[in-house]
Amino acid sequence: MYKWLALIPLFNGAICICIVLVVISKEIDWHFVTHILPLFGEIFVYSYFGEQIKTKAKNIELALLSFDWCNMNKEDKINYIIVFTYMQKQFGIEVASNKDLCMVTLTAVLKLTYQAYTVVQSIDF
């Protein structure tokens, strides 16, 4: 359920940035420029923290992999294996289409925004 809620700000930001770019390019009013930065910031924050979660999880997995577990007793080895197998699972913030929110998602949203902007620009009003 929460995966769909993470998708709403991405589409909202993409559509609003596209509209602001069209308004600016048609020389209607330059006051709309101030709206691009918060919208870009909203998308950037989601993507940045999603990237941080993925990076930290990968660092924990690498730390577990390089840990000297041979000298542990049997019970601790079993716990270590359980934790290690759990850490091999991918971590991150996902949206509805099972895509991770990361910097790749940020560039995809900005690419979608610019593509929509060029399509709207090609239409004569």
PDB file of N, CA and C in Angstrom:
ATOM      1  N   MET A   1       0.817  -1.188   0.000  1.00  0.00           N
ATOM      2  CA  MET A   1       0.000   0.000   0.000  1.00  0.00           C
ATOM      3  C   MET A   1       0.864   1.257   0.000  1.00  0.00           C
ATOM      4  N   TYR A   2       1.932   1.257   0.794  1.00  0.00           N
ATOM      5  CA  TYR A   2       2.764   2.446   0.895  1.00  0.00           C
ATOM      6  C   TYR A   2       3.626   2.655  -0.337  1.00  0.00           C
ATOM      7  N   LYS A   3       3.786   1.603  -1.136  1.00  0.00           N
ATOM      8  CA  LYS A   3       4.568   1.746  -2.353  1.00  0.00           C
ATOM      9  C   LYS A   3       3.890   2.700  -3.332  1.00  0.00           C
ATOM     10  N   TRP A   4       2.577   2.693  -3.367  1.00  0.00           N
ATOM     11  CA  TRP A   4       1.847   3.596  -4.248  1.00  0.00           C
ATOM     12  C   TRP A   4       1.964   5.034  -3.771  1.00  0.00           C
ATOM     13  N   LEU A   5       2.043   5.233  -2.462  1.00  0.00           N
ATOM     14  CA  LEU A   5       2.173   6.584  -1.936  1.00  0.00           C
ATOM     15  C   LEU A   5       3.525   7.202  -2.282  1.00  0.00           C
ATOM     16  N   ALA A   6       4.546   6.392  -2.443  1.00  0.00           N
ATOM     17  CA  ALA A   6       5.854   6.911  -2.834  1.00  0.00           C
ATOM     18  C   ALA A   6       5.882   7.295  -4.303  1.00  0.00           C
ATOM     19  N   LEU A   7       4.964   6.765  -5.092  1.00  0.00           N
ATOM     20  CA  LEU A   7       4.921   7.069  -6.516  1.00  0.00           C
ATOM     21  C   LEU A   7       4.274   8.422  -6.790  1.00  0.00           C
ATOM     22  N   ILE A   8       3.388   8.859  -5.920  1.00  0.00           N
ATOM     23  CA  ILE A   8       2.655  10.114  -6.122  1.00  0.00           C
ATOM     24  C   ILE A   8       3.581  11.325  -6.190  1.00  0.00           C
ATOM     25  N   PRO A   9       4.537  11.507  -5.263  1.00  0.00           N
ATOM     26  CA  PRO A   9       5.417  12.681  -5.382  1.00  0.00           C
ATOM     27  C   PRO A   9       6.289  12.672  -6.635  1.00  0.00           C
ATOM     28  N   LEU A  10       6.646  11.486  -7.115  1.00  0.00           N
ATOM     29  CA  LEU A  10       7.448  11.425  -8.338  1.00  0.00           C
ATOM     30  C   LEU A  10       6.665  11.945  -9.538  1.00  0.00           C
ATOM     31  N   PHE A  11       5.430  11.491  -9.682  1.00  0.00           N
ATOM     32  CA  PHE A  11       4.608  11.970 -10.786  1.00  0.00           C
ATOM     33  C   PHE A  11       4.236  13.436 -10.606  1.00  0.00           C
ATOM     34  N   ASN A  12       3.950  13.830  -9.389  1.00  0.00           N
ATOM     35  CA  ASN A  12       3.618  15.225  -9.113  1.00  0.00           C
ATOM     36  C   ASN A  12       4.790  16.123  -9.489  1.00  0.00           C
ATOM     37  N   GLY A  13       5.984  15.758  -9.066  1.00  0.00           N
ATOM     38  CA  GLY A  13       7.160  16.559  -9.408  1.00  0.00           C
ATOM     39  C   GLY A  13       7.416  16.608 -10.895  1.00  0.00           C
ATOM     40  N   ALA A  14       7.282  15.473 -11.572  1.00  0.00           N
ATOM     41  CA  ALA A  14       7.536  15.428 -13.015  1.00  0.00           C
ATOM     42  C   ALA A  14       6.537  16.295 -13.774  1.00  0.00           C
ATOM     43  N   ILE A  15       5.274  16.194 -13.425  1.00  0.00           N
ATOM     44  CA  ILE A  15       4.251  16.970 -14.128  1.00  0.00           C
ATOM     45  C   ILE A  15       4.401  18.454 -13.844  1.00  0.00           C
ATOM     46  N   CYS A  16       4.631  18.804 -12.591  1.00  0.00           N
ATOM     47  CA  CYS A  16       4.752  20.220 -12.239  1.00  0.00           C
ATOM     48  C   CYS A  16       5.991  20.860 -12.850  1.00  0.00           C
ATOM     49  N   ILE A  17       7.116  20.161 -12.858  1.00  0.00           N
ATOM     50  CA  ILE A  17       8.319  20.709 -13.484  1.00  0.00           C
ATOM     51  C   ILE A  17       8.095  20.886 -14.980  1.00  0.00           C
ATOM     52  N   CYS A  18       7.410  19.945 -15.606  1.00  0.00           N
ATOM     53  CA  CYS A  18       7.115  20.061 -17.030  1.00  0.00           C
ATOM     54  C   CYS A  18       6.236  21.282 -17.303  1.00  0.00           C
ATOM     55  N   ILE A  19       5.220  21.479 -16.484  1.00  0.00           N
ATOM     56  CA  ILE A  19       4.328  22.635 -16.663  1.00  0.00           C
ATOM     57  C   ILE A  19       5.086  23.942 -16.467  1.00  0.00           C
ATOM     58  N   VAL A  20       5.946  23.976 -15.460  1.00  0.00           N
ATOM     59  CA  VAL A  20       6.725  25.192 -15.213  1.00  0.00           C
ATOM     60  C   VAL A  20       7.670  25.474 -16.374  1.00  0.00           C
ATOM     61  N   LEU A  21       8.294  24.438 -16.938  1.00  0.00           N
ATOM     62  CA  LEU A  21       9.166  24.645 -18.091  1.00  0.00           C
ATOM     63  C   LEU A  21       8.393  25.178 -19.294  1.00  0.00           C
ATOM     64  N   VAL A  22       7.190  24.678 -19.504  1.00  0.00           N
ATOM     65  CA  VAL A  22       6.361  25.165 -20.616  1.00  0.00           C
ATOM     66  C   VAL A  22       5.973  26.619 -20.388  1.00  0.00           C
ATOM     67  N   VAL A  23       5.584  26.949 -19.180  1.00  0.00           N
ATOM     68  CA  VAL A  23       5.189  28.323 -18.869  1.00  0.00           C
ATOM     69  C   VAL A  23       6.368  29.277 -19.070  1.00  0.00           C
ATOM     70  N   ILE A  24       7.554  28.857 -18.649  1.00  0.00           N
ATOM     71  CA  ILE A  24       8.732  29.709 -18.808  1.00  0.00           C
ATOM     72  C   ILE A  24       9.106  29.857 -20.281  1.00  0.00           C
ATOM     73  N   SER A  25       9.010  28.764 -21.030  1.00  0.00           N
ATOM     74  CA  SER A  25       9.407  28.826 -22.438  1.00  0.00           C
ATOM     75  C   SER A  25       8.437  29.655 -23.273  1.00  0.00           C
ATOM     76  N   LYS A  26       7.203  29.733 -22.872  1.00  0.00           N
ATOM     77  CA  LYS A  26       6.213  30.544 -23.585  1.00  0.00           C
ATOM     78  C   LYS A  26       6.256  31.999 -23.148  1.00  0.00           C
ATOM     79  N   GLU A  27       7.225  32.328 -22.259  1.00  0.00           N
ATOM     80  CA  GLU A  27       7.438  33.684 -21.771  1.00  0.00           C
ATOM     81  C   GLU A  27       6.179  34.287 -21.151  1.00  0.00           C
ATOM     82  N   ILE A  28       5.483  33.468 -20.366  1.00  0.00           N
ATOM     83  CA  ILE A  28       4.289  33.965 -19.695  1.00  0.00           C
ATOM     84  C   ILE A  28       4.678  34.732 -18.442  1.00  0.00           C
ATOM     85  N   ASP A  29       5.425  34.081 -17.550  1.00  0.00           N
ATOM     86  CA  ASP A  29       5.807  34.746 -16.311  1.00  0.00           C
ATOM     87  C   ASP A  29       7.011  34.019 -15.719  1.00  0.00           C
ATOM     88  N   TRP A  30       8.038  34.756 -15.338  1.00  0.00           N
ATOM     89  CA  TRP A  30       9.241  34.163 -14.778  1.00  0.00           C
ATOM     90  C   TRP A  30       9.117  33.882 -13.289  1.00  0.00           C
ATOM     91  N   HIS A  31       8.015  34.238 -12.681  1.00  0.00           N
ATOM     92  CA  HIS A  31       7.836  33.958 -11.256  1.00  0.00           C
ATOM     93  C   HIS A  31       7.681  32.459 -10.992  1.00  0.00           C
ATOM     94  N   PHE A  32       7.403  31.703 -12.025  1.00  0.00           N
ATOM     95  CA  PHE A  32       7.245  30.263 -11.861  1.00  0.00           C
ATOM     96  C   PHE A  32       8.571  29.533 -11.684  1.00  0.00           C
ATOM     97  N   VAL A  33       9.677  30.217 -11.945  1.00  0.00           N
ATOM     98  CA  VAL A  33      11.001  29.597 -11.801  1.00  0.00           C
ATOM     99  C   VAL A  33      11.228  29.161 -10.352  1.00  0.00           C
ATOM    100  N   THR A  34      10.691  29.906  -9.417  1.00  0.00           N
ATOM    101  CA  THR A  34      10.894  29.577  -8.003  1.00  0.00           C
ATOM    102  C   THR A  34      10.222  28.268  -7.607  1.00  0.00           C
ATOM    103  N   HIS A  35       9.321  27.773  -8.428  1.00  0.00           N
ATOM    104  CA  HIS A  35       8.637  26.520  -8.110  1.00  0.00           C
ATOM    105  C   HIS A  35       9.423  25.283  -8.537  1.00  0.00           C
ATOM    106  N   ILE A  36      10.406  25.451  -9.409  1.00  0.00           N
ATOM    107  CA  ILE A  36      11.169  24.290  -9.881  1.00  0.00           C
ATOM    108  C   ILE A  36      12.052  23.735  -8.773  1.00  0.00           C
ATOM    109  N   LEU A  37      12.702  24.604  -8.024  1.00  0.00           N
ATOM    110  CA  LEU A  37      13.646  24.144  -7.006  1.00  0.00           C
ATOM    111  C   LEU A  37      12.986  23.288  -5.924  1.00  0.00           C
ATOM    112  N   PRO A  38      11.852  23.674  -5.337  1.00  0.00           N
ATOM    113  CA  PRO A  38      11.239  22.774  -4.343  1.00  0.00           C
ATOM    114  C   PRO A  38      10.762  21.448  -4.934  1.00  0.00           C
ATOM    115  N   LEU A  39      10.275  21.475  -6.166  1.00  0.00           N
ATOM    116  CA  LEU A  39       9.829  20.229  -6.791  1.00  0.00           C
ATOM    117  C   LEU A  39      11.006  19.309  -7.073  1.00  0.00           C
ATOM    118  N   PHE A  40      12.094  19.884  -7.584  1.00  0.00           N
ATOM    119  CA  PHE A  40      13.293  19.084  -7.801  1.00  0.00           C
ATOM    120  C   PHE A  40      13.849  18.584  -6.470  1.00  0.00           C
ATOM    121  N   GLY A  41      13.796  19.434  -5.449  1.00  0.00           N
ATOM    122  CA  GLY A  41      14.269  19.034  -4.122  1.00  0.00           C
ATOM    123  C   GLY A  41      13.476  17.879  -3.550  1.00  0.00           C
ATOM    124  N   GLU A  42      12.163  17.887  -3.777  1.00  0.00           N
ATOM    125  CA  GLU A  42      11.319  16.800  -3.282  1.00  0.00           C
ATOM    126  C   GLU A  42      11.706  15.475  -3.918  1.00  0.00           C
ATOM    127  N   ILE A  43      11.904  15.473  -5.222  1.00  0.00           N
ATOM    128  CA  ILE A  43      12.313  14.246  -5.907  1.00  0.00           C
ATOM    129  C   ILE A  43      13.717  13.842  -5.474  1.00  0.00           C
ATOM    130  N   PHE A  44      14.607  14.832  -5.330  1.00  0.00           N
ATOM    131  CA  PHE A  44      15.984  14.552  -4.954  1.00  0.00           C
ATOM    132  C   PHE A  44      16.074  13.931  -3.565  1.00  0.00           C
ATOM    133  N   VAL A  45      15.290  14.420  -2.612  1.00  0.00           N
ATOM    134  CA  VAL A  45      15.355  13.900  -1.235  1.00  0.00           C
ATOM    135  C   VAL A  45      14.933  12.437  -1.188  1.00  0.00           C
ATOM    136  N   TYR A  46      13.843  12.094  -1.857  1.00  0.00           N
ATOM    137  CA  TYR A  46      13.419  10.692  -1.895  1.00  0.00           C
ATOM    138  C   TYR A  46      14.514   9.823  -2.505  1.00  0.00           C
ATOM    139  N   SER A  47      15.066  10.273  -3.616  1.00  0.00           N
ATOM    140  CA  SER A  47      16.081   9.486  -4.305  1.00  0.00           C
ATOM    141  C   SER A  47      17.374   9.394  -3.500  1.00  0.00           C
ATOM    142  N   TYR A  48      17.754  10.490  -2.860  1.00  0.00           N
ATOM    143  CA  TYR A  48      18.999  10.505  -2.086  1.00  0.00           C
ATOM    144  C   TYR A  48      18.924   9.540  -0.908  1.00  0.00           C
ATOM    145  N   PHE A  49      17.829   9.584  -0.162  1.00  0.00           N
ATOM    146  CA  PHE A  49      17.723   8.688   0.987  1.00  0.00           C
ATOM    147  C   PHE A  49      17.542   7.234   0.568  1.00  0.00           C
ATOM    148  N   GLY A  50      16.892   7.002  -0.550  1.00  0.00           N
ATOM    149  CA  GLY A  50      16.827   5.643  -1.083  1.00  0.00           C
ATOM    150  C   GLY A  50      18.203   5.127  -1.464  1.00  0.00           C
ATOM    151  N   GLU A  51      19.020   5.999  -2.056  1.00  0.00           N
ATOM    152  CA  GLU A  51      20.386   5.628  -2.402  1.00  0.00           C
ATOM    153  C   GLU A  51      21.225   5.383  -1.146  1.00  0.00           C
ATOM    154  N   GLN A  52      21.022   6.192  -0.114  1.00  0.00           N
ATOM    155  CA  GLN A  52      21.761   6.006   1.138  1.00  0.00           C
ATOM    156  C   GLN A  52      21.422   4.668   1.795  1.00  0.00           C
ATOM    157  N   ILE A  53      20.161   4.284   1.764  1.00  0.00           N
ATOM    158  CA  ILE A  53      19.751   2.998   2.347  1.00  0.00           C
ATOM    159  C   ILE A  53      20.418   1.849   1.591  1.00  0.00           C
ATOM    160  N   LYS A  54      20.425   1.920   0.260  1.00  0.00           N
ATOM    161  CA  LYS A  54      21.061   0.869  -0.525  1.00  0.00           C
ATOM    162  C   LYS A  54      22.557   0.801  -0.254  1.00  0.00           C
ATOM    163  N   THR A  55      23.207   1.962  -0.133  1.00  0.00           N
ATOM    164  CA  THR A  55      24.648   1.994   0.103  1.00  0.00           C
ATOM    165  C   THR A  55      25.002   1.447   1.475  1.00  0.00           C
ATOM    166  N   LYS A  56      24.243   1.854   2.492  1.00  0.00           N
ATOM    167  CA  LYS A  56      24.518   1.374   3.857  1.00  0.00           C
ATOM    168  C   LYS A  56      24.282  -0.130   3.966  1.00  0.00           C
ATOM    169  N   ALA A  57      23.244  -0.640   3.321  1.00  0.00           N
ATOM    170  CA  ALA A  57      22.986  -2.079   3.357  1.00  0.00           C
ATOM    171  C   ALA A  57      24.108  -2.850   2.663  1.00  0.00           C
ATOM    172  N   LYS A  58      24.613  -2.309   1.573  1.00  0.00           N
ATOM    173  CA  LYS A  58      25.727  -2.967   0.870  1.00  0.00           C
ATOM    174  C   LYS A  58      26.994  -2.943   1.724  1.00  0.00           C
ATOM    175  N   ASN A  59      27.219  -1.830   2.438  1.00  0.00           N
ATOM    176  CA  ASN A  59      28.394  -1.752   3.319  1.00  0.00           C
ATOM    177  C   ASN A  59      28.300  -2.745   4.473  1.00  0.00           C
ATOM    178  N   ILE A  60      27.112  -2.923   5.018  1.00  0.00           N
ATOM    179  CA  ILE A  60      26.929  -3.901   6.096  1.00  0.00           C
ATOM    180  C   ILE A  60      27.170  -5.313   5.570  1.00  0.00           C
ATOM    181  N   GLU A  61      26.684  -5.585   4.371  1.00  0.00           N
ATOM    182  CA  GLU A  61      26.897  -6.907   3.787  1.00  0.00           C
ATOM    183  C   GLU A  61      28.386  -7.163   3.553  1.00  0.00           C
ATOM    184  N   LEU A  62      29.106  -6.167   3.061  1.00  0.00           N
ATOM    185  CA  LEU A  62      30.553  -6.328   2.848  1.00  0.00           C
ATOM    186  C   LEU A  62      31.295  -6.481   4.168  1.00  0.00           C
ATOM    187  N   ALA A  63      30.853  -5.783   5.211  1.00  0.00           N
ATOM    188  CA  ALA A  63      31.494  -5.921   6.524  1.00  0.00           C
ATOM    189  C   ALA A  63      31.252  -7.321   7.091  1.00  0.00           C
ATOM    190  N   LEU A  64      30.063  -7.849   6.902  1.00  0.00           N
ATOM    191  CA  LEU A  64      29.789  -9.214   7.363  1.00  0.00           C
ATOM    192  C   LEU A  64      30.597 -10.237   6.570  1.00  0.00           C
ATOM    193  N   LEU A  65      30.776  -9.964   5.300  1.00  0.00           N
ATOM    194  CA  LEU A  65      31.516 -10.889   4.456  1.00  0.00           C
ATOM    195  C   LEU A  65      32.988 -10.937   4.840  1.00  0.00           C
ATOM    196  N   SER A  66      33.556  -9.811   5.232  1.00  0.00           N
ATOM    197  CA  SER A  66      34.977  -9.770   5.578  1.00  0.00           C
ATOM    198  C   SER A  66      35.236 -10.060   7.052  1.00  0.00           C
ATOM    199  N   PHE A  67      34.205 -10.364   7.810  1.00  0.00           N
ATOM    200  CA  PHE A  67      34.362 -10.640   9.238  1.00  0.00           C
ATOM    201  C   PHE A  67      34.993 -12.021   9.440  1.00  0.00           C
ATOM    202  N   ASP A  68      35.873 -12.141  10.421  1.00  0.00           N
ATOM    203  CA  ASP A  68      36.528 -13.405  10.724  1.00  0.00           C
ATOM    204  C   ASP A  68      35.598 -14.245  11.605  1.00  0.00           C
ATOM    205  N   TRP A  69      34.808 -15.063  10.981  1.00  0.00           N
ATOM    206  CA  TRP A  69      33.813 -15.843  11.711  1.00  0.00           C
ATOM    207  C   TRP A  69      34.289 -17.255  12.030  1.00  0.00           C
ATOM    208  N   CYS A  70      35.447 -17.611  11.581  1.00  0.00           N
ATOM    209  CA  CYS A  70      35.959 -18.973  11.809  1.00  0.00           C
ATOM    210  C   CYS A  70      36.256 -19.251  13.280  1.00  0.00           C
ATOM    211  N   ASN A  71      36.596 -18.240  14.046  1.00  0.00           N
ATOM    212  CA  ASN A  71      36.956 -18.422  15.450  1.00  0.00           C
ATOM    213  C   ASN A  71      35.758 -18.357  16.393  1.00  0.00           C
ATOM    214  N   MET A  72      34.579 -18.316  15.871  1.00  0.00           N
ATOM    215  CA  MET A  72      33.381 -18.209  16.708  1.00  0.00           C
ATOM    216  C   MET A  72      32.930 -19.601  17.144  1.00  0.00           C
ATOM    217  N   ASN A  73      32.148 -19.636  18.218  1.00  0.00           N
ATOM    218  CA  ASN A  73      31.593 -20.931  18.620  1.00  0.00           C
ATOM    219  C   ASN A  73      30.409 -21.276  17.712  1.00  0.00           C
ATOM    220  N   LYS A  74      29.907 -22.493  17.845  1.00  0.00           N
ATOM    221  CA  LYS A  74      28.914 -23.009  16.904  1.00  0.00           C
ATOM    222  C   LYS A  74      27.616 -22.205  16.927  1.00  0.00           C
ATOM    223  N   GLU A  75      27.145 -21.823  18.091  1.00  0.00           N
ATOM    224  CA  GLU A  75      25.896 -21.066  18.185  1.00  0.00           C
ATOM    225  C   GLU A  75      26.022 -19.698  17.514  1.00  0.00           C
ATOM    226  N   ASP A  76      27.164 -19.038  17.712  1.00  0.00           N
ATOM    227  CA  ASP A  76      27.381 -17.740  17.087  1.00  0.00           C
ATOM    228  C   ASP A  76      27.541 -17.862  15.581  1.00  0.00           C
ATOM    229  N   LYS A  77      28.134 -18.972  15.127  1.00  0.00           N
ATOM    230  CA  LYS A  77      28.259 -19.189  13.685  1.00  0.00           C
ATOM    231  C   LYS A  77      26.885 -19.331  13.035  1.00  0.00           C
ATOM    232  N   ILE A  78      25.995 -20.039  13.717  1.00  0.00           N
ATOM    233  CA  ILE A  78      24.633 -20.202  13.179  1.00  0.00           C
ATOM    234  C   ILE A  78      23.938 -18.846  13.111  1.00  0.00           C
ATOM    235  N   ASN A  79      24.070 -18.033  14.150  1.00  0.00           N
ATOM    236  CA  ASN A  79      23.476 -16.696  14.138  1.00  0.00           C
ATOM    237  C   ASN A  79      24.101 -15.826  13.054  1.00  0.00           C
ATOM    238  N   TYR A  80      25.400 -15.967  12.867  1.00  0.00           N
ATOM    239  CA  TYR A  80      26.096 -15.208  11.834  1.00  0.00           C
ATOM    240  C   TYR A  80      25.565 -15.573  10.451  1.00  0.00           C
ATOM    241  N   ILE A  81      25.358 -16.846  10.218  1.00  0.00           N
ATOM    242  CA  ILE A  81      24.843 -17.288   8.920  1.00  0.00           C
ATOM    243  C   ILE A  81      23.432 -16.774   8.693  1.00  0.00           C
ATOM    244  N   ILE A  82      22.626 -16.760   9.731  1.00  0.00           N
ATOM    245  CA  ILE A  82      21.263 -16.234   9.609  1.00  0.00           C
ATOM    246  C   ILE A  82      21.292 -14.749   9.256  1.00  0.00           C
ATOM    247  N   VAL A  83      22.113 -13.996   9.961  1.00  0.00           N
ATOM    248  CA  VAL A  83      22.216 -12.558   9.682  1.00  0.00           C
ATOM    249  C   VAL A  83      22.780 -12.325   8.282  1.00  0.00           C
ATOM    250  N   PHE A  84      23.774 -13.107   7.899  1.00  0.00           N
ATOM    251  CA  PHE A  84      24.384 -12.940   6.581  1.00  0.00           C
ATOM    252  C   PHE A  84      23.396 -13.241   5.457  1.00  0.00           C
ATOM    253  N   THR A  85      22.612 -14.299   5.606  1.00  0.00           N
ATOM    254  CA  THR A  85      21.626 -14.608   4.566  1.00  0.00           C
ATOM    255  C   THR A  85      20.532 -13.550   4.502  1.00  0.00           C
ATOM    256  N   TYR A  86      20.186 -12.974   5.651  1.00  0.00           N
ATOM    257  CA  TYR A  86      19.192 -11.898   5.654  1.00  0.00           C
ATOM    258  C   TYR A  86      19.742 -10.641   4.981  1.00  0.00           C
ATOM    259  N   MET A  87      21.018 -10.366   5.148  1.00  0.00           N
ATOM    260  CA  MET A  87      21.606  -9.161   4.568  1.00  0.00           C
ATOM    261  C   MET A  87      21.814  -9.281   3.058  1.00  0.00           C
ATOM    262  N   GLN A  88      21.698 -10.467   2.498  1.00  0.00           N
ATOM    263  CA  GLN A  88      21.809 -10.612   1.047  1.00  0.00           C
ATOM    264  C   GLN A  88      20.543 -10.158   0.333  1.00  0.00           C
ATOM    265  N   LYS A  89      19.485  -9.967   1.102  1.00  0.00           N
ATOM    266  CA  LYS A  89      18.248  -9.430   0.549  1.00  0.00           C
ATOM    267  C   LYS A  89      18.469  -7.966   0.184  1.00  0.00           C
ATOM    268  N   GLN A  90      17.868  -7.522  -0.904  1.00  0.00           N
ATOM    269  CA  GLN A  90      18.026  -6.130  -1.314  1.00  0.00           C
ATOM    270  C   GLN A  90      17.202  -5.223  -0.416  1.00  0.00           C
ATOM    271  N   PHE A  91      17.821  -4.145   0.022  1.00  0.00           N
ATOM    272  CA  PHE A  91      17.148  -3.154   0.839  1.00  0.00           C
ATOM    273  C   PHE A  91      16.991  -1.876   0.030  1.00  0.00           C
ATOM    274  N   GLY A  92      15.985  -1.103   0.347  1.00  0.00           N
ATOM    275  CA  GLY A  92      15.785   0.180  -0.307  1.00  0.00           C
ATOM    276  C   GLY A  92      14.336   0.600  -0.218  1.00  0.00           C
ATOM    277  N   ILE A  93      14.081   1.789  -0.693  1.00  0.00           N
ATOM    278  CA  ILE A  93      12.715   2.305  -0.768  1.00  0.00           C
ATOM    279  C   ILE A  93      12.192   1.963  -2.149  1.00  0.00           C
ATOM    280  N   GLU A  94      11.080   1.261  -2.187  1.00  0.00           N
ATOM    281  CA  GLU A  94      10.516   0.853  -3.465  1.00  0.00           C
ATOM    282  C   GLU A  94       9.227   1.613  -3.733  1.00  0.00           C
ATOM    283  N   VAL A  95       8.958   1.825  -5.014  1.00  0.00           N
ATOM    284  CA  VAL A  95       7.691   2.413  -5.423  1.00  0.00           C
ATOM    285  C   VAL A  95       6.815   1.303  -5.975  1.00  0.00           C
ATOM    286  N   ALA A  96       5.653   1.652  -6.480  1.00  0.00           N
ATOM    287  CA  ALA A  96       4.632   0.674  -6.827  1.00  0.00           C
ATOM    288  C   ALA A  96       5.074  -0.335  -7.878  1.00  0.00           C
ATOM    289  N   SER A  97       5.918   0.055  -8.791  1.00  0.00           N
ATOM    290  CA  SER A  97       6.309  -0.857  -9.860  1.00  0.00           C
ATOM    291  C   SER A  97       7.559  -1.656  -9.499  1.00  0.00           C
ATOM    292  N   ASN A  98       7.830  -1.815  -8.194  1.00  0.00           N
ATOM    293  CA  ASN A  98       8.991  -2.534  -7.674  1.00  0.00           C
ATOM    294  C   ASN A  98      10.309  -1.947  -8.174  1.00  0.00           C
ATOM    295  N   LYS A  99      10.324  -0.662  -8.381  1.00  0.00           N
ATOM    296  CA  LYS A  99      11.545   0.060  -8.729  1.00  0.00           C
ATOM    297  C   LYS A  99      12.077   0.721  -7.471  1.00  0.00           C
ATOM    298  N   ASP A 100      13.378   0.686  -7.297  1.00  0.00           N
ATOM    299  CA  ASP A 100      13.993   1.330  -6.143  1.00  0.00           C
ATOM    300  C   ASP A 100      14.081   2.827  -6.364  1.00  0.00           C
ATOM    301  N   LEU A 101      13.873   3.572  -5.281  1.00  0.00           N
ATOM    302  CA  LEU A 101      14.113   5.000  -5.332  1.00  0.00           C
ATOM    303  C   LEU A 101      15.601   5.227  -5.098  1.00  0.00           C
ATOM    304  N   CYS A 102      16.289   5.679  -6.120  1.00  0.00           N
ATOM    305  CA  CYS A 102      17.722   5.949  -6.032  1.00  0.00           C
ATOM    306  C   CYS A 102      18.036   7.030  -7.056  1.00  0.00           C
ATOM    307  N   MET A 103      19.305   7.311  -7.240  1.00  0.00           N
ATOM    308  CA  MET A 103      19.686   8.364  -8.179  1.00  0.00           C
ATOM    309  C   MET A 103      19.340   8.002  -9.621  1.00  0.00           C
ATOM    310  N   VAL A 104      19.278   6.723  -9.920  1.00  0.00           N
ATOM    311  CA  VAL A 104      18.854   6.292 -11.254  1.00  0.00           C
ATOM    312  C   VAL A 104      17.392   6.666 -11.469  1.00  0.00           C
ATOM    313  N   THR A 105      16.589   6.533 -10.429  1.00  0.00           N
ATOM    314  CA  THR A 105      15.186   6.928 -10.515  1.00  0.00           C
ATOM    315  C   THR A 105      15.063   8.431 -10.715  1.00  0.00           C
ATOM    316  N   LEU A 106      15.922   9.196 -10.039  1.00  0.00           N
ATOM    317  CA  LEU A 106      15.914  10.647 -10.199  1.00  0.00           C
ATOM    318  C   LEU A 106      16.184  11.026 -11.651  1.00  0.00           C
ATOM    319  N   THR A 107      17.179  10.433 -12.259  1.00  0.00           N
ATOM    320  CA  THR A 107      17.474  10.761 -13.653  1.00  0.00           C
ATOM    321  C   THR A 107      16.362  10.293 -14.592  1.00  0.00           C
ATOM    322  N   ALA A 108      15.729   9.177 -14.266  1.00  0.00           N
ATOM    323  CA  ALA A 108      14.613   8.700 -15.092  1.00  0.00           C
ATOM    324  C   ALA A 108      13.430   9.664 -15.023  1.00  0.00           C
ATOM    325  N   VAL A 109      13.145  10.183 -13.834  1.00  0.00           N
ATOM    326  CA  VAL A 109      12.040  11.142 -13.687  1.00  0.00           C
ATOM    327  C   VAL A 109      12.357  12.438 -14.422  1.00  0.00           C
ATOM    328  N   LEU A 110      13.591  12.910 -14.301  1.00  0.00           N
ATOM    329  CA  LEU A 110      13.963  14.135 -15.009  1.00  0.00           C
ATOM    330  C   LEU A 110      13.956  13.934 -16.522  1.00  0.00           C
ATOM    331  N   LYS A 111      14.337  12.744 -16.978  1.00  0.00           N
ATOM    332  CA  LYS A 111      14.277  12.440 -18.407  1.00  0.00           C
ATOM    333  C   LYS A 111      12.821  12.423 -18.878  1.00  0.00           C
ATOM    334  N   LEU A 112      11.942  11.805 -18.098  1.00  0.00           N
ATOM    335  CA  LEU A 112      10.519  11.783 -18.426  1.00  0.00           C
ATOM    336  C   LEU A 112       9.954  13.197 -18.471  1.00  0.00           C
ATOM    337  N   THR A 113      10.383  14.031 -17.531  1.00  0.00           N
ATOM    338  CA  THR A 113       9.917  15.418 -17.500  1.00  0.00           C
ATOM    339  C   THR A 113      10.332  16.159 -18.756  1.00  0.00           C
ATOM    340  N   TYR A 114      11.584  16.017 -19.144  1.00  0.00           N
ATOM    341  CA  TYR A 114      12.052  16.722 -20.332  1.00  0.00           C
ATOM    342  C   TYR A 114      11.410  16.173 -21.599  1.00  0.00           C
ATOM    343  N   GLN A 115      11.160  14.869 -21.659  1.00  0.00           N
ATOM    344  CA  GLN A 115      10.487  14.302 -22.827  1.00  0.00           C
ATOM    345  C   GLN A 115       9.063  14.831 -22.938  1.00  0.00           C
ATOM    346  N   ALA A 116       8.368  14.914 -21.804  1.00  0.00           N
ATOM    347  CA  ALA A 116       7.019  15.475 -21.834  1.00  0.00           C
ATOM    348  C   ALA A 116       7.055  16.947 -22.228  1.00  0.00           C
ATOM    349  N   TYR A 117       8.062  17.661 -21.759  1.00  0.00           N
ATOM    350  CA  TYR A 117       8.213  19.072 -22.108  1.00  0.00           C
ATOM    351  C   TYR A 117       8.426  19.247 -23.606  1.00  0.00           C
ATOM    352  N   THR A 118       9.266  18.411 -24.217  1.00  0.00           N
ATOM    353  CA  THR A 118       9.499  18.539 -25.656  1.00  0.00           C
ATOM    354  C   THR A 118       8.266  18.178 -26.464  1.00  0.00           C
ATOM    355  N   VAL A 119       7.476  17.223 -25.987  1.00  0.00           N
ATOM    356  CA  VAL A 119       6.229  16.885 -26.683  1.00  0.00           C
ATOM    357  C   VAL A 119       5.254  18.049 -26.615  1.00  0.00           C
ATOM    358  N   VAL A 120       5.146  18.664 -25.441  1.00  0.00           N
ATOM    359  CA  VAL A 120       4.235  19.802 -25.287  1.00  0.00           C
ATOM    360  C   VAL A 120       4.746  20.988 -26.102  1.00  0.00           C
ATOM    361  N   GLN A 121       6.065  21.163 -26.191  1.00  0.00           N
ATOM    362  CA  GLN A 121       6.640  22.249 -26.981  1.00  0.00           C
ATOM    363  C   GLN A 121       6.348  22.077 -28.475  1.00  0.00           C
ATOM    364  N   SER A 122       6.287  20.818 -28.912  1.00  0.00           N
ATOM    365  CA  SER A 122       6.048  20.577 -30.348  1.00  0.00           C
ATOM    366  C   SER A 122       4.610  20.885 -30.765  1.00  0.00           C
ATOM    367  N   ILE A 123       3.712  20.965 -29.802  1.00  0.00           N
ATOM    368  CA  ILE A 123       2.316  21.275 -30.094  1.00  0.00           C
ATOM    369  C   ILE A 123       2.167  22.798 -30.130  1.00  0.00           C
ATOM    370  N   ASP A 124       1.603  23.318 -31.193  1.00  0.00           N
ATOM    371  CA  ASP A 124       1.372  24.766 -31.285  1.00  0.00           C
ATOM    372  C   ASP A 124       0.067  25.109 -30.596  1.00  0.00           C
ATOM    373  N   PHE A 125       0.143  26.125 -29.764  1.00  0.00           N
ATOM    374  CA  PHE A 125      -1.067  26.570 -29.047  1.00  0.00           C
ATOM    375  C   PHE A 125      -1.737  27.686 -29.818  1.00  0.00           C
TER     376      PHE A 125
END
